[in-house]
Amino acid sequence: MAELAAVVTETLAGYYDEVRGRVHEWVDPLTTEQIWARPYPYGNSVGHILLHLTGNLQYYIGARIAGTGYVRNRPLEFTDAAKKAKEQVLADFDRTILMVVDTIRRQTPEDWTKPYAAEREPESRDRFTAVFRCAAHAYHHVGQLIYLSKELGRPTAEAGSRSDRPGREAAC
C-alpha cells in the first residue's frame, strides 16, 4: 500500500506541475490587456479562467484538505473587474500550485482514503478522488487557455474565413 501511495503522490504532484507549465507556456506570451480580453461575446477571458482555477484549487484542496481557511467567492472568479497585472494573476496561480503539490506530498497512504466533502462536489467522497477530479478540471481549463491564447495571438484583420486562419490545428 505504501508503494502505491508513493506512486499516486508523485504522479499527482507531477501532473499539477505539468498543468502549471502548460499554463505558463500559453499565458506568458500574452500581455495584461490580452488576458482580460474576451475574444467572443460569450465565454471567459484568460484572466478569469486563471482566477477560477486558482479559486477552485484553493477551495477544494487548500481549504478542504490542507485546512488553509480559504473562503471562496466563485461568482467573482468570473466577474472580477479589477484586471490585475498578468504577473500577479500568474504568481497567485503559481503559489496555489505549490500549495497543492505540497498538500499532495504530505498525504500518508491513510490520508488518501479519508472522507471528503465540499460544496458543489458530491462525487468526491475521499481525498484521492477530490485531488484527481481537480486535476481533470484544471486540464479542461488548460485546453480553454490554449484556444483563447491562440485566438488572442492572431492579428485582428486577417483575410479569409476563420477556418483558413493559421493555428487552427489541434492543441494536443
Protein backbone atom coordinates (compact mmCIF):
# COMPACT_ATOMS: atom_id res chain seq x y z
CA MET A 1 0.00 0.00 0.00
CA ALA A 2 2.82 2.43 0.80
CA GLU A 3 4.34 1.87 -2.67
CA LEU A 4 1.03 2.60 -4.36
CA ALA A 5 0.57 5.73 -2.26
CA ALA A 6 4.06 6.91 -3.26
CA VAL A 7 3.23 6.40 -6.95
CA VAL A 8 -0.08 8.23 -6.54
CA THR A 9 1.62 11.08 -4.71
CA GLU A 10 4.40 11.61 -7.21
CA THR A 11 2.14 11.16 -10.23
CA LEU A 12 -0.38 13.70 -8.99
CA ALA A 13 2.29 16.18 -7.87
CA GLY A 14 3.98 15.87 -11.26
CA TYR A 15 0.69 16.33 -13.05
CA TYR A 16 -0.04 19.61 -11.25
CA ASP A 17 3.49 20.79 -12.09
CA GLU A 18 2.72 19.93 -15.73
CA VAL A 19 -0.51 21.94 -15.58
CA ARG A 20 1.45 24.90 -14.22
CA GLY A 21 3.97 24.59 -17.05
CA ARG A 22 1.27 24.43 -19.73
CA VAL A 23 -0.46 27.50 -18.28
CA HIS A 24 2.77 29.46 -18.46
CA GLU A 25 3.56 28.19 -21.95
CA TRP A 26 0.34 29.71 -23.27
CA VAL A 27 -0.19 32.71 -20.98
CA ASP A 28 3.35 34.11 -20.62
CA PRO A 29 3.42 35.49 -24.21
CA LEU A 30 0.21 37.45 -23.64
CA THR A 31 0.00 40.98 -22.27
CA THR A 32 -2.10 42.01 -19.29
CA GLU A 33 -4.53 43.62 -21.71
CA GLN A 34 -4.82 40.40 -23.71
CA ILE A 35 -5.51 38.19 -20.68
CA TRP A 36 -8.55 40.29 -19.80
CA ALA A 37 -9.88 40.48 -23.37
CA ARG A 38 -12.86 38.33 -24.30
CA PRO A 39 -12.44 37.37 -27.94
CA TYR A 40 -16.02 36.12 -28.08
CA PRO A 41 -19.26 37.70 -26.90
CA TYR A 42 -19.71 34.60 -24.71
CA GLY A 43 -17.20 32.79 -22.53
CA ASN A 44 -14.44 33.95 -20.27
CA SER A 45 -11.16 35.76 -20.56
CA VAL A 46 -7.84 34.05 -19.89
CA GLY A 47 -7.60 36.13 -16.71
CA HIS A 48 -10.96 34.96 -15.40
CA ILE A 49 -10.13 31.33 -16.16
CA LEU A 50 -6.92 31.75 -14.14
CA LEU A 51 -8.87 33.31 -11.27
CA HIS A 52 -11.28 30.38 -11.45
CA LEU A 53 -8.51 27.75 -11.45
CA THR A 54 -6.84 29.46 -8.51
CA GLY A 55 -10.09 29.69 -6.54
CA ASN A 56 -11.07 26.13 -7.38
CA LEU A 57 -7.79 24.65 -6.17
CA GLN A 58 -7.58 26.96 -3.14
CA TYR A 59 -11.02 25.81 -2.04
CA TYR A 60 -11.16 22.12 -2.92
CA ILE A 61 -7.59 21.29 -1.94
CA GLY A 62 -6.46 24.27 0.15
CA ALA A 63 -9.48 24.78 2.37
CA ARG A 64 -10.94 21.28 2.33
CA ILE A 65 -7.73 19.18 2.64
CA ALA A 66 -4.86 21.45 3.70
CA GLY A 67 -7.02 23.47 6.10
CA THR A 68 -5.86 26.86 4.79
CA GLY A 69 -9.07 28.65 5.74
CA TYR A 70 -9.57 29.93 2.20
CA VAL A 71 -13.05 31.33 1.64
CA ARG A 72 -14.19 31.09 -1.94
CA ASN A 73 -16.23 33.62 -3.88
CA ARG A 74 -16.85 31.60 -7.03
CA PRO A 75 -19.01 34.17 -8.87
CA LEU A 76 -16.23 36.78 -8.52
CA GLU A 77 -13.80 34.43 -10.27
CA PHE A 78 -15.81 35.09 -13.46
CA THR A 79 -16.79 38.72 -12.92
CA ASP A 80 -13.87 40.43 -11.13
CA ALA A 81 -13.35 43.74 -12.91
CA ALA A 82 -10.05 44.58 -11.15
CA LYS A 83 -7.94 43.35 -14.11
CA LYS A 84 -4.85 42.65 -12.03
CA ALA A 85 -1.49 42.56 -13.77
CA LYS A 86 -0.79 39.29 -15.59
CA GLU A 87 2.26 38.76 -13.38
CA GLN A 88 0.13 38.97 -10.22
CA VAL A 89 -2.53 36.59 -11.53
CA LEU A 90 0.16 34.07 -12.54
CA ALA A 91 2.00 34.48 -9.22
CA ASP A 92 -1.23 33.73 -7.34
CA PHE A 93 -1.78 30.67 -9.54
CA ASP A 94 1.82 29.52 -9.03
CA ARG A 95 1.52 29.84 -5.23
CA THR A 96 -1.67 27.82 -5.42
CA ILE A 97 0.01 25.06 -7.42
CA LEU A 98 2.87 24.98 -4.88
CA MET A 99 0.30 24.63 -2.07
CA VAL A 100 -1.45 21.82 -3.97
CA VAL A 101 1.80 19.94 -4.62
CA ASP A 102 2.88 20.38 -1.00
CA THR A 103 -0.51 19.14 0.22
CA ILE A 104 -0.32 16.12 -2.07
CA ARG A 105 3.18 15.27 -0.86
CA ARG A 106 2.07 15.45 2.79
CA GLN A 107 -0.63 12.81 2.33
CA THR A 108 0.02 9.48 4.00
CA PRO A 109 -1.37 6.26 2.50
CA GLU A 110 -4.23 6.51 5.01
CA ASP A 111 -4.91 10.17 4.16
CA TRP A 112 -5.84 9.38 0.56
CA THR A 113 -8.90 7.42 1.73
CA LYS A 114 -10.08 9.89 4.39
CA PRO A 115 -13.63 11.14 3.93
CA TYR A 116 -14.02 14.28 1.86
CA ALA A 117 -16.92 16.69 1.46
CA ALA A 118 -17.18 20.04 -0.26
CA GLU A 119 -19.78 22.35 -1.73
CA ARG A 120 -20.58 21.57 -5.40
CA GLU A 121 -18.54 18.34 -5.29
CA PRO A 122 -20.79 15.44 -4.21
CA GLU A 123 -18.84 12.92 -6.34
CA SER A 124 -15.70 13.22 -4.25
CA ARG A 125 -16.09 11.13 -1.12
CA ASP A 126 -12.36 10.71 -0.38
CA ARG A 127 -9.25 12.88 -0.75
CA PHE A 128 -7.83 10.94 -3.67
CA THR A 129 -10.99 11.44 -5.72
CA ALA A 130 -11.08 15.15 -4.91
CA VAL A 131 -7.45 15.72 -5.93
CA PHE A 132 -7.91 13.60 -9.06
CA ARG A 133 -11.08 15.44 -10.12
CA CYS A 134 -9.41 18.81 -9.53
CA ALA A 135 -6.55 17.71 -11.79
CA ALA A 136 -9.01 16.81 -14.57
CA HIS A 137 -10.87 20.09 -14.07
CA ALA A 138 -7.62 22.06 -14.27
CA TYR A 139 -6.59 20.46 -17.53
CA HIS A 140 -10.03 21.09 -19.01
CA HIS A 141 -9.38 24.78 -18.45
CA VAL A 142 -5.84 24.50 -19.81
CA GLY A 143 -7.50 23.47 -23.08
CA GLN A 144 -9.58 26.62 -22.99
CA LEU A 145 -6.48 28.71 -22.25
CA ILE A 146 -4.70 27.20 -25.25
CA TYR A 147 -7.61 28.00 -27.54
CA LEU A 148 -8.04 31.55 -26.21
CA SER A 149 -4.30 32.22 -26.35
CA LYS A 150 -4.22 31.18 -29.98
CA GLU A 151 -7.13 33.50 -30.73
CA LEU A 152 -5.58 36.41 -28.86
CA GLY A 153 -2.22 35.98 -30.55
CA ARG A 154 -3.61 36.41 -34.06
CA PRO A 155 -3.75 39.66 -35.98
CA THR A 156 -7.27 41.09 -35.81
CA ALA A 157 -7.66 41.87 -39.54
CA GLU A 158 -6.89 38.63 -41.32
CA ALA A 159 -8.01 37.73 -44.82
CA GLY A 160 -10.01 34.58 -45.37
CA SER A 161 -12.50 32.70 -43.31
CA ARG A 162 -11.95 31.72 -39.70
CA SER A 163 -11.13 28.15 -40.76
CA ASP A 164 -8.34 29.47 -43.03
CA ARG A 165 -6.52 31.12 -40.17
CA PRO A 166 -3.18 29.70 -39.11
CA GLY A 167 -3.09 27.87 -35.79
CA ARG A 168 -6.37 26.02 -36.23
CA GLU A 169 -4.66 22.69 -35.67
CA ALA A 170 -5.42 20.67 -32.57
CA ALA A 171 -3.76 21.85 -29.35
CA CYS A 172 -2.59 18.38 -28.33
